Structure formats: C-alpha cells, structure tokens
Amino acid sequence: MNEHGFIKAVHRYLPSEIYRWKIHDTFTGGVPDAYYCGPAGPLFAEYKYITLPKKANTIIKLNISPLQLEFLSKMVKYRQNAIVIVGFILNNKTSGIILKDKEWEQKLDKNYYLANAKPTKEITKGIEQYVFT
C-alpha cells in the first residue's frame, strides 16, 4: 500500500452524495491531495501514508512540506475545514487517523497513532461528519 492506494481505499467507501476531487496540481505547490464537499460545506484533506516505527514513543514525522503547511494553516485561519489523514498498516489491516485543529503541527508519537487508529471505513465516516453536519 502507498498514499495513492490509501486514498483510493478511503474513496471507495465515500457515499456518492459527497463531491470528491482528487487534486493533482503540478503548477501550484502545497495544494492538498483532496477536496470534498457536501451540504454542510467543503473540506480540504492532505493525505500521508507512513510505516509505523517499532518503538512506541518514537515521534512520527509526516513530511508535510512548508507550502502544504502554509495552505492548511491558511484554510484554518479562513475558517475552512482542513485535515490531514494519515494511513498505515496496523495488525495487517489498513488503518489511519484524522488530524484536525492543526494537530499536524504537534509532535505526536506512535502511542498517539495507536490510541486513535481507525479502520478505513471509519476514516470515511470522519470525512462525512465534516461535509454532512
């Protein structure tokens, strides 16, 4: 699995009522990977796919570029929904977490990821909460 495959796995479970756009912008740096929209409004999502480290207290670096950080921060400042979705394998299953409220700027360790891990279907439910309610 890689980031592209993880995005496809999440999109597979999204209801058709959610407008989705897998953004591939080679001209403007920092644009998030996906845009979603529903009755409650839009959502920008940056996706990252990682391999969990062996040690529980290891801080996980997401390699979010300065331009991506700038875009996400600007969306939050403008009161737009922006999240980072991090995928990984846990117990031989694709899992992930949703980082919101600028959590992506914090130093989070493997323990945090394990405590907040959700299966792919639940990640989709998290997206639905932003665009439906």
C-alpha atoms as a PDB file:
ATOM      1  CA  MET A   1       0.000   0.000   0.000  1.00  0.00           C
ATOM      2  CA  ASN A   2       1.080   3.581  -0.663  1.00  0.00           C
ATOM      3  CA  GLU A   3      -0.536   7.018  -0.385  1.00  0.00           C
ATOM      4  CA  HIS A   4      -2.350   6.695  -3.712  1.00  0.00           C
ATOM      5  CA  GLY A   5      -3.731   3.272  -2.762  1.00  0.00           C
ATOM      6  CA  PHE A   6      -4.788   4.560   0.647  1.00  0.00           C
ATOM      7  CA  ILE A   7      -6.707   7.457  -0.917  1.00  0.00           C
ATOM      8  CA  LYS A   8      -8.460   5.022  -3.260  1.00  0.00           C
ATOM      9  CA  ALA A   9      -9.362   2.780  -0.309  1.00  0.00           C
ATOM     10  CA  VAL A  10     -10.927   5.716   1.542  1.00  0.00           C
ATOM     11  CA  HIS A  11     -12.775   6.957  -1.551  1.00  0.00           C
ATOM     12  CA  ARG A  12     -14.237   3.504  -2.134  1.00  0.00           C
ATOM     13  CA  TYR A  13     -16.378   3.896   0.996  1.00  0.00           C
ATOM     14  CA  LEU A  14     -17.492   7.504   0.462  1.00  0.00           C
ATOM     15  CA  PRO A  15     -21.192   7.928  -0.326  1.00  0.00           C
ATOM     16  CA  SER A  16     -21.976   9.253  -3.792  1.00  0.00           C
ATOM     17  CA  GLU A  17     -23.600  12.365  -2.273  1.00  0.00           C
ATOM     18  CA  ILE A  18     -20.171  13.653  -1.331  1.00  0.00           C
ATOM     19  CA  TYR A  19     -18.468  15.567  -4.112  1.00  0.00           C
ATOM     20  CA  ARG A  20     -14.842  14.429  -4.223  1.00  0.00           C
ATOM     21  CA  TRP A  21     -11.918  15.739  -6.168  1.00  0.00           C
ATOM     22  CA  LYS A  22      -8.533  14.023  -6.074  1.00  0.00           C
ATOM     23  CA  ILE A  23      -6.381  17.067  -6.706  1.00  0.00           C
ATOM     24  CA  HIS A  24      -3.275  16.657  -8.844  1.00  0.00           C
ATOM     25  CA  ASP A  25      -1.880  20.150  -9.244  1.00  0.00           C
ATOM     26  CA  THR A  26       1.601  20.271 -10.738  1.00  0.00           C
ATOM     27  CA  PHE A  27       1.548  24.068 -11.065  1.00  0.00           C
ATOM     28  CA  THR A  28       0.737  25.220  -7.537  1.00  0.00           C
ATOM     29  CA  GLY A  29       2.729  23.719  -4.680  1.00  0.00           C
ATOM     30  CA  GLY A  30       1.128  22.966  -1.351  1.00  0.00           C
ATOM     31  CA  VAL A  31      -2.382  22.208  -2.563  1.00  0.00           C
ATOM     32  CA  PRO A  32      -3.891  19.338  -0.519  1.00  0.00           C
ATOM     33  CA  ASP A  33      -4.494  15.926  -2.061  1.00  0.00           C
ATOM     34  CA  ALA A  34      -8.296  16.008  -1.955  1.00  0.00           C
ATOM     35  CA  TYR A  35     -11.290  18.306  -1.789  1.00  0.00           C
ATOM     36  CA  TYR A  36     -14.661  17.134  -0.531  1.00  0.00           C
ATOM     37  CA  CYS A  37     -17.957  18.982  -0.443  1.00  0.00           C
ATOM     38  CA  GLY A  38     -21.429  18.274   0.877  1.00  0.00           C
ATOM     39  CA  PRO A  39     -24.454  20.135   2.274  1.00  0.00           C
ATOM     40  CA  ALA A  40     -22.505  21.352   5.345  1.00  0.00           C
ATOM     41  CA  GLY A  41     -19.604  22.754   3.315  1.00  0.00           C
ATOM     42  CA  PRO A  42     -16.155  21.966   1.909  1.00  0.00           C
ATOM     43  CA  LEU A  43     -13.203  20.053   3.322  1.00  0.00           C
ATOM     44  CA  PHE A  44      -9.566  20.024   2.216  1.00  0.00           C
ATOM     45  CA  ALA A  45      -7.600  16.888   3.083  1.00  0.00           C
ATOM     46  CA  GLU A  46      -3.890  16.243   2.863  1.00  0.00           C
ATOM     47  CA  TYR A  47      -3.074  12.524   2.833  1.00  0.00           C
ATOM     48  CA  LYS A  48       0.082  10.914   4.165  1.00  0.00           C
ATOM     49  CA  TYR A  49       0.926   7.227   4.259  1.00  0.00           C
ATOM     50  CA  ILE A  50       3.532   6.025   6.736  1.00  0.00           C
ATOM     51  CA  THR A  51       5.149   2.935   8.163  1.00  0.00           C
ATOM     52  CA  LEU A  52       4.719   2.893  11.915  1.00  0.00           C
ATOM     53  CA  PRO A  53       8.017   2.827  13.821  1.00  0.00           C
ATOM     54  CA  LYS A  54       8.872  -0.068  16.121  1.00  0.00           C
ATOM     55  CA  LYS A  55       9.265   1.982  19.313  1.00  0.00           C
ATOM     56  CA  ALA A  56       6.067   3.266  20.923  1.00  0.00           C
ATOM     57  CA  ASN A  57       7.466   6.642  21.962  1.00  0.00           C
ATOM     58  CA  THR A  58       9.005   7.490  18.579  1.00  0.00           C
ATOM     59  CA  ILE A  59       7.799  10.859  17.226  1.00  0.00           C
ATOM     60  CA  ILE A  60       6.337  10.438  13.744  1.00  0.00           C
ATOM     61  CA  LYS A  61       7.430  12.958  11.126  1.00  0.00           C
ATOM     62  CA  LEU A  62       4.815  13.360   8.408  1.00  0.00           C
ATOM     63  CA  ASN A  63       6.975  15.219   5.884  1.00  0.00           C
ATOM     64  CA  ILE A  64       4.377  17.902   5.267  1.00  0.00           C
ATOM     65  CA  SER A  65       6.070  20.484   3.070  1.00  0.00           C
ATOM     66  CA  PRO A  66       6.260  24.151   4.077  1.00  0.00           C
ATOM     67  CA  LEU A  67       3.848  25.026   1.246  1.00  0.00           C
ATOM     68  CA  GLN A  68       1.389  22.359   2.408  1.00  0.00           C
ATOM     69  CA  LEU A  69       1.616  23.690   5.970  1.00  0.00           C
ATOM     70  CA  GLU A  70       1.002  27.202   4.692  1.00  0.00           C
ATOM     71  CA  PHE A  71      -2.072  26.134   2.708  1.00  0.00           C
ATOM     72  CA  LEU A  72      -3.563  24.139   5.597  1.00  0.00           C
ATOM     73  CA  SER A  73      -2.884  26.933   8.083  1.00  0.00           C
ATOM     74  CA  LYS A  74      -4.465  29.475   5.762  1.00  0.00           C
ATOM     75  CA  MET A  75      -7.605  27.352   5.419  1.00  0.00           C
ATOM     76  CA  VAL A  76      -7.882  27.057   9.209  1.00  0.00           C
ATOM     77  CA  LYS A  77      -7.326  30.824   9.564  1.00  0.00           C
ATOM     78  CA  TYR A  78     -10.105  31.426   6.994  1.00  0.00           C
ATOM     79  CA  ARG A  79     -12.380  29.079   8.993  1.00  0.00           C
ATOM     80  CA  GLN A  80     -12.428  26.441   6.298  1.00  0.00           C
ATOM     81  CA  ASN A  81     -12.245  22.747   7.145  1.00  0.00           C
ATOM     82  CA  ALA A  82      -8.756  21.302   6.667  1.00  0.00           C
ATOM     83  CA  ILE A  83      -7.435  17.966   7.916  1.00  0.00           C
ATOM     84  CA  VAL A  84      -4.514  15.612   7.463  1.00  0.00           C
ATOM     85  CA  ILE A  85      -5.393  11.941   7.045  1.00  0.00           C
ATOM     86  CA  VAL A  86      -2.544   9.574   7.897  1.00  0.00           C
ATOM     87  CA  GLY A  87      -2.734   5.972   6.738  1.00  0.00           C
ATOM     88  CA  PHE A  88      -0.743   2.986   7.953  1.00  0.00           C
ATOM     89  CA  ILE A  89      -0.918  -0.778   8.422  1.00  0.00           C
ATOM     90  CA  LEU A  90      -1.970  -1.945  11.879  1.00  0.00           C
ATOM     91  CA  ASN A  91      -2.435  -5.644  12.628  1.00  0.00           C
ATOM     92  CA  ASN A  92      -2.259  -6.414   8.898  1.00  0.00           C
ATOM     93  CA  LYS A  93      -5.164  -4.042   8.137  1.00  0.00           C
ATOM     94  CA  THR A  94      -5.202  -0.608   6.559  1.00  0.00           C
ATOM     95  CA  SER A  95      -5.924   1.950   9.251  1.00  0.00           C
ATOM     96  CA  GLY A  96      -5.463   5.642   9.805  1.00  0.00           C
ATOM     97  CA  ILE A  97      -6.149   8.725  11.843  1.00  0.00           C
ATOM     98  CA  ILE A  98      -7.570  12.145  11.083  1.00  0.00           C
ATOM     99  CA  LEU A  99      -5.553  15.072  12.391  1.00  0.00           C
ATOM    100  CA  LYS A 100      -7.666  18.195  12.832  1.00  0.00           C
ATOM    101  CA  ASP A 101      -7.323  21.589  14.503  1.00  0.00           C
ATOM    102  CA  LYS A 102      -3.688  21.851  13.383  1.00  0.00           C
ATOM    103  CA  GLU A 103      -2.738  18.633  15.214  1.00  0.00           C
ATOM    104  CA  TRP A 104      -0.373  18.006  12.296  1.00  0.00           C
ATOM    105  CA  GLU A 105       1.888  20.692  13.775  1.00  0.00           C
ATOM    106  CA  GLN A 106       2.283  18.799  17.065  1.00  0.00           C
ATOM    107  CA  LYS A 107       4.925  16.184  17.842  1.00  0.00           C
ATOM    108  CA  LEU A 108       2.860  13.006  18.036  1.00  0.00           C
ATOM    109  CA  ASP A 109       4.328   9.600  18.825  1.00  0.00           C
ATOM    110  CA  LYS A 110       3.364   6.090  17.809  1.00  0.00           C
ATOM    111  CA  ASN A 111       1.309   5.713  21.009  1.00  0.00           C
ATOM    112  CA  TYR A 112      -0.939   8.572  19.849  1.00  0.00           C
ATOM    113  CA  TYR A 113      -1.446   6.938  16.470  1.00  0.00           C
ATOM    114  CA  LEU A 114      -2.266   3.574  18.044  1.00  0.00           C
ATOM    115  CA  ALA A 115      -4.722   5.137  20.500  1.00  0.00           C
ATOM    116  CA  ASN A 116      -6.574   6.983  17.720  1.00  0.00           C
ATOM    117  CA  ALA A 117      -6.315   4.454  14.877  1.00  0.00           C
ATOM    118  CA  LYS A 118      -9.467   3.730  12.911  1.00  0.00           C
ATOM    119  CA  PRO A 119     -10.205   1.310  10.082  1.00  0.00           C
ATOM    120  CA  THR A 120     -10.605   2.805   6.607  1.00  0.00           C
ATOM    121  CA  LYS A 121     -14.422   2.782   6.805  1.00  0.00           C
ATOM    122  CA  GLU A 122     -14.263   4.899   9.967  1.00  0.00           C
ATOM    123  CA  ILE A 123     -11.930   7.384   8.262  1.00  0.00           C
ATOM    124  CA  THR A 124     -14.684   7.809   5.680  1.00  0.00           C
ATOM    125  CA  LYS A 125     -17.185   8.478   8.477  1.00  0.00           C
ATOM    126  CA  GLY A 126     -14.880  11.239   9.704  1.00  0.00           C
ATOM    127  CA  ILE A 127     -14.991  12.904   6.278  1.00  0.00           C
ATOM    128  CA  GLU A 128     -18.785  12.582   6.268  1.00  0.00           C
ATOM    129  CA  GLN A 129     -19.003  14.424   9.593  1.00  0.00           C
ATOM    130  CA  TYR A 130     -17.351  17.470   8.024  1.00  0.00           C
ATOM    131  CA  VAL A 131     -19.424  17.664   4.870  1.00  0.00           C
ATOM    132  CA  PHE A 132     -22.820  16.437   6.125  1.00  0.00           C
ATOM    133  CA  THR A 133     -23.161  18.051   9.583  1.00  0.00           C
END
